[in-house]
Amino acid sequence: MPVRLEGLETRFGQQRVHHGLDLEVRRGEALGIVGGSGSGKSVLLSVIALLKTPSAGQLMLFGEPVDTRMTETSLIPLRRRIGVMFQHGALFSSLTVLENVMLPLREHTRLPLVLVEEFARLKIALVGLPVEAAGRYPRELSGGMLKRAGVARALALDPELLLLDEPSAGLDPVSAAEVDGLLDTLHKALGLTMLLVTHDLDSLFTVTDRVAFLGEGRLMAVAPASELADSEVPMVARYFGNARARRFLGDPQGGP
C-alpha cells in the first residue's frame, strides 16, 4: 500500500481535527477525499505529504512506517517519492514556468543543467501546456494554465504518489473539465497513485476510483462515488444524495 493510516490523530493546540482515522490507499488508484468544511481534508493531505506531524497514530508510506521523530534530512528520500500540487499552485512568482519545474530537479538530482531543462520541458509538454508557456511567469498564465504548471512541477521527480489539493477550484467549467481530463489521462497512462481533495462533483465522478468521506474527525465511508448516494451513513447520503449529485448518476429526480 502506498499510503496506510492507522488511528491517526491530528491537533492544532486544543482543537482535535482527526481522531482514530484509518485509511488505506491502493497502489495505482485515484482516491478522492471529501467532507464538509472543517473536516480536515487538507490537513490530512499535509500529513501524507510529510508537511505536518500527526499527534498520534501511525502513518505508513510505501510499506514503511514514518517515525514522527525523523529529522527533516531523513524525510527527504520519502518526499522525493511524493508530488504535491497545492490549491493555488504555489509557483514562485519570480521564476518562469520552466524555472519552477526545473527547481525540484536542481535541488534533488545531480543531473547536468542541460538534462534538467530537457526533462522540465518534457513535463511541461506532458501536462498539455504550449511550448511558449515555458518562458512565461505565473502572473502571465490563465487559471487553467497555472493548474497545469503546478501539476508539471509536482511530476518533476516522477513521483510514485501524487497529492492534489482542490485541482479544479476557481476555474470556469470548461477549464475545470480540461484539468479533470488531464488528471484522468495521467492517472491511467502513468499508473499513478493519486489523492485529490476536492469539492467538485465533476472531479469525483470523472477522475476517482473511490472516494473517502471525512466527518467528525474520522473516515465515515469509502467507496466509488456512484455508490455513496445510497450510503447508510446519513451525513454521506446527504452529501451525495442531493439533486446536483444525482444528476451525475442519471437520476431524473436530480432536476435539470
Protein backbone atom coordinates (compact mmCIF):
# COMPACT_ATOMS: atom_id res chain seq x y z
CA MET A 1 0.00 0.00 0.00
CA PRO A 2 1.44 3.42 -0.93
CA VAL A 3 -0.43 5.01 2.00
CA ARG A 4 -1.80 3.50 5.19
CA LEU A 5 -3.11 5.40 8.20
CA GLU A 6 -3.90 3.70 11.48
CA GLY A 7 -5.54 5.51 14.38
CA LEU A 8 -4.41 8.90 13.08
CA GLU A 9 -4.89 11.87 15.35
CA THR A 10 -4.04 15.46 14.49
CA ARG A 11 -4.38 18.58 16.61
CA PHE A 12 -3.93 22.33 16.43
CA GLY A 13 -3.43 23.24 20.07
CA GLN A 14 -6.52 22.01 21.89
CA GLN A 15 -8.51 21.56 18.68
CA ARG A 16 -8.64 17.97 17.54
CA VAL A 17 -9.04 17.59 13.77
CA HIS A 18 -8.77 13.82 13.34
CA HIS A 19 -9.15 11.08 15.91
CA GLY A 20 -8.86 7.37 15.22
CA LEU A 21 -8.76 7.82 11.45
CA ASP A 22 -7.92 4.68 9.44
CA LEU A 23 -7.37 4.74 5.68
CA GLU A 24 -5.64 2.66 3.04
CA VAL A 25 -4.80 3.88 -0.46
CA ARG A 26 -4.33 1.16 -3.04
CA ARG A 27 -1.44 1.21 -5.47
CA GLY A 28 -2.42 2.81 -8.76
CA GLU A 29 -5.80 4.14 -7.64
CA ALA A 30 -7.18 7.67 -7.72
CA LEU A 31 -8.78 8.35 -4.35
CA GLY A 32 -10.90 11.43 -3.73
CA ILE A 33 -11.09 12.96 -0.24
CA VAL A 34 -14.27 14.85 0.57
CA GLY A 35 -16.19 16.10 3.58
CA GLY A 36 -17.76 19.22 4.98
CA SER A 37 -15.86 22.40 5.77
CA GLY A 38 -13.51 21.86 8.70
CA SER A 39 -13.45 18.08 8.33
CA GLY A 40 -9.66 18.12 7.95
CA LYS A 41 -9.26 17.21 4.27
CA SER A 42 -6.31 19.49 3.55
CA VAL A 43 -4.77 18.71 6.95
CA LEU A 44 -4.86 15.01 6.06
CA LEU A 45 -3.13 15.77 2.76
CA SER A 46 -0.45 17.71 4.66
CA VAL A 47 0.18 14.73 6.95
CA ILE A 48 0.58 12.38 3.98
CA ALA A 49 2.86 14.92 2.27
CA LEU A 50 5.04 14.92 5.41
CA LEU A 51 4.36 18.61 5.97
CA LYS A 52 2.53 18.10 9.28
CA THR A 53 3.38 15.65 12.05
CA PRO A 54 0.41 13.73 13.48
CA SER A 55 -0.24 13.89 17.21
CA ALA A 56 -0.79 10.14 17.44
CA GLY A 57 -1.33 7.07 15.31
CA GLN A 58 0.73 5.55 12.53
CA LEU A 59 1.47 6.76 9.01
CA MET A 60 2.96 4.25 6.59
CA LEU A 61 4.26 5.28 3.18
CA PHE A 62 5.29 2.77 0.52
CA GLY A 63 5.08 -0.01 3.08
CA GLU A 64 7.39 1.65 5.63
CA PRO A 65 6.36 3.30 8.92
CA VAL A 66 7.11 7.01 9.21
CA ASP A 67 8.68 7.78 12.57
CA THR A 68 7.46 11.12 13.95
CA ARG A 69 10.99 11.68 15.30
CA MET A 70 12.56 11.61 11.84
CA THR A 71 14.61 14.70 11.02
CA GLU A 72 13.94 16.93 8.03
CA THR A 73 17.03 15.47 6.35
CA SER A 74 15.88 11.89 6.84
CA LEU A 75 12.46 12.72 5.36
CA ILE A 76 13.93 13.93 2.05
CA PRO A 77 14.11 10.47 0.36
CA LEU A 78 10.42 9.91 1.14
CA ARG A 79 9.40 13.38 -0.03
CA ARG A 80 11.15 12.78 -3.35
CA ARG A 81 8.66 9.99 -3.99
CA ILE A 82 5.68 12.31 -3.45
CA GLY A 83 4.49 15.05 -5.79
CA VAL A 84 2.21 17.79 -4.43
CA MET A 85 0.05 20.27 -6.30
CA PHE A 86 -1.18 22.94 -3.91
CA GLN A 87 -4.57 24.60 -4.30
CA HIS A 88 -3.24 27.91 -5.59
CA GLY A 89 -0.33 26.42 -7.50
CA ALA A 90 2.31 27.80 -5.09
CA LEU A 91 4.57 28.61 -8.02
CA PHE A 92 7.38 31.07 -7.39
CA SER A 93 6.24 34.33 -8.99
CA SER A 94 9.78 35.45 -9.77
CA LEU A 95 10.53 32.30 -11.79
CA THR A 96 9.26 31.29 -15.21
CA VAL A 97 7.22 28.11 -15.61
CA LEU A 98 10.33 26.34 -16.88
CA GLU A 99 12.39 27.51 -13.90
CA ASN A 100 9.63 26.44 -11.49
CA VAL A 101 9.53 22.94 -12.95
CA MET A 102 13.33 22.73 -13.04
CA LEU A 103 13.63 23.65 -9.36
CA PRO A 104 12.92 20.18 -7.82
CA LEU A 105 15.29 18.59 -10.33
CA ARG A 106 18.06 21.04 -9.49
CA GLU A 107 17.58 20.55 -5.75
CA HIS A 108 17.25 16.76 -5.66
CA THR A 109 19.33 15.43 -8.55
CA ARG A 110 22.86 15.83 -9.85
CA LEU A 111 21.86 15.91 -13.48
CA PRO A 112 23.63 18.32 -15.83
CA LEU A 113 21.71 21.55 -16.33
CA VAL A 114 21.02 20.72 -19.97
CA LEU A 115 19.24 17.50 -18.94
CA VAL A 116 17.37 19.23 -16.13
CA GLU A 117 15.98 21.70 -18.67
CA GLU A 118 15.14 18.93 -21.13
CA PHE A 119 13.26 16.90 -18.51
CA ALA A 120 11.41 20.01 -17.32
CA ARG A 121 10.29 20.78 -20.88
CA LEU A 122 9.04 17.21 -21.21
CA LYS A 123 6.90 17.63 -18.07
CA ILE A 124 5.52 20.92 -19.37
CA ALA A 125 4.54 19.22 -22.62
CA LEU A 126 3.11 16.25 -20.72
CA VAL A 127 0.51 18.43 -18.99
CA GLY A 128 -0.59 19.99 -22.27
CA LEU A 129 0.96 23.45 -21.96
CA PRO A 130 2.10 25.12 -25.19
CA VAL A 131 5.84 25.43 -25.79
CA GLU A 132 5.79 29.19 -25.27
CA ALA A 133 4.33 28.80 -21.76
CA ALA A 134 7.73 27.63 -20.51
CA GLY A 135 9.08 31.16 -20.70
CA ARG A 136 6.13 32.85 -19.06
CA TYR A 137 5.79 33.93 -15.44
CA PRO A 138 2.87 32.72 -13.30
CA ARG A 139 1.16 36.13 -13.49
CA GLU A 140 1.03 35.77 -17.27
CA LEU A 141 -0.92 32.49 -17.17
CA SER A 142 -4.64 31.80 -17.10
CA GLY A 143 -6.09 29.86 -14.17
CA GLY A 144 -6.16 26.62 -16.12
CA MET A 145 -2.57 27.05 -17.27
CA LEU A 146 -1.48 27.74 -13.68
CA LYS A 147 -3.05 24.46 -12.58
CA ARG A 148 -1.26 22.59 -15.37
CA ALA A 149 2.05 24.23 -14.45
CA GLY A 150 1.51 23.16 -10.84
CA VAL A 151 0.93 19.58 -11.97
CA ALA A 152 4.07 19.71 -14.15
CA ARG A 153 6.17 20.75 -11.17
CA ALA A 154 4.56 18.07 -8.99
CA LEU A 155 5.58 15.49 -11.61
CA ALA A 156 9.14 16.77 -11.98
CA LEU A 157 10.74 13.95 -9.97
CA ASP A 158 8.49 11.19 -11.38
CA PRO A 159 6.71 10.62 -8.05
CA GLU A 160 5.03 7.37 -7.11
CA LEU A 161 2.31 9.28 -5.26
CA LEU A 162 0.63 12.46 -6.46
CA LEU A 163 -1.30 14.66 -4.00
CA LEU A 164 -3.63 17.35 -5.30
CA ASP A 165 -5.43 19.97 -3.22
CA GLU A 166 -8.56 21.29 -4.98
CA PRO A 167 -7.11 20.85 -8.50
CA SER A 168 -10.10 22.43 -10.27
CA ALA A 169 -11.03 25.09 -7.70
CA GLY A 170 -11.54 28.59 -9.06
CA LEU A 171 -11.74 27.53 -12.69
CA ASP A 172 -14.56 28.07 -15.16
CA PRO A 173 -16.46 24.89 -16.14
CA VAL A 174 -14.54 24.40 -19.40
CA SER A 175 -11.11 24.80 -17.78
CA ALA A 176 -12.14 22.60 -14.84
CA ALA A 177 -13.26 19.84 -17.20
CA GLU A 178 -9.94 20.09 -19.07
CA VAL A 179 -7.98 19.72 -15.82
CA ASP A 180 -10.12 16.74 -14.84
CA GLY A 181 -9.42 15.18 -18.23
CA LEU A 182 -5.70 15.78 -17.80
CA LEU A 183 -5.63 14.13 -14.37
CA ASP A 184 -7.64 11.15 -15.60
CA THR A 185 -5.26 10.72 -18.55
CA LEU A 186 -2.13 11.00 -16.38
CA HIS A 187 -3.55 8.56 -13.84
CA LYS A 188 -4.27 5.93 -16.47
CA ALA A 189 -1.23 6.50 -18.68
CA LEU A 190 1.37 6.67 -15.91
CA GLY A 191 -0.25 4.30 -13.41
CA LEU A 192 0.00 6.99 -10.75
CA THR A 193 -1.41 6.63 -7.28
CA MET A 194 -3.35 9.85 -6.74
CA LEU A 195 -5.10 11.51 -3.82
CA LEU A 196 -7.19 14.55 -4.53
CA VAL A 197 -9.05 16.77 -2.12
CA THR A 198 -11.98 18.34 -3.93
CA HIS A 199 -15.49 19.72 -3.58
CA ASP A 200 -16.07 19.34 -7.32
CA LEU A 201 -18.51 16.56 -8.14
CA ASP A 202 -17.29 16.52 -11.74
CA SER A 203 -13.82 15.66 -10.50
CA LEU A 204 -15.10 12.92 -8.21
CA PHE A 205 -17.10 11.20 -10.92
CA THR A 206 -14.52 11.76 -13.69
CA VAL A 207 -11.18 11.09 -12.02
CA THR A 208 -11.56 8.93 -8.91
CA ASP A 209 -11.84 5.18 -8.44
CA ARG A 210 -13.02 5.58 -4.85
CA VAL A 211 -13.97 8.43 -2.54
CA ALA A 212 -13.14 8.70 1.17
CA PHE A 213 -15.63 10.77 3.16
CA LEU A 214 -14.34 12.50 6.30
CA GLY A 215 -16.60 13.62 9.10
CA GLU A 216 -16.47 14.02 12.86
CA GLY A 217 -12.70 13.52 12.72
CA ARG A 218 -12.78 10.06 11.17
CA LEU A 219 -13.38 8.12 7.97
CA MET A 220 -17.14 7.68 7.64
CA ALA A 221 -17.25 5.88 4.29
CA VAL A 222 -15.05 4.87 1.38
CA ALA A 223 -16.50 3.61 -1.91
CA PRO A 224 -16.88 4.60 -5.57
CA ALA A 225 -18.67 7.95 -5.86
CA SER A 226 -21.61 6.29 -7.62
CA GLU A 227 -22.31 4.16 -4.53
CA LEU A 228 -22.13 6.83 -1.84
CA ALA A 229 -25.56 8.32 -2.55
CA ASP A 230 -27.00 5.12 -1.12
CA SER A 231 -24.76 5.12 1.95
CA GLU A 232 -26.32 4.10 5.26
CA VAL A 233 -24.42 6.95 6.92
CA PRO A 234 -26.83 9.95 6.95
CA MET A 235 -24.11 12.59 6.54
CA VAL A 236 -22.66 10.80 3.50
CA ALA A 237 -26.07 10.13 1.95
CA ARG A 238 -26.99 13.83 2.24
CA TYR A 239 -23.73 14.91 0.60
CA PHE A 240 -24.07 12.57 -2.37
CA GLY A 241 -27.85 12.33 -2.43
CA ASN A 242 -28.60 15.96 -3.18
CA ALA A 243 -30.12 16.92 -6.53
CA ARG A 244 -26.85 18.07 -8.06
CA ALA A 245 -25.05 14.83 -7.22
CA ARG A 246 -27.91 12.70 -8.51
CA ARG A 247 -27.67 14.34 -11.92
CA PHE A 248 -24.29 12.64 -12.28
CA LEU A 249 -25.98 9.32 -11.58
CA GLY A 250 -28.59 9.84 -14.28
CA ASP A 251 -31.40 10.21 -11.74
CA PRO A 252 -34.31 12.11 -13.35
CA GLN A 253 -35.23 13.40 -9.88
CA GLY A 254 -31.95 15.31 -9.92
CA GLY A 255 -33.57 18.11 -11.86
CA PRO A 256 -32.34 19.96 -14.94
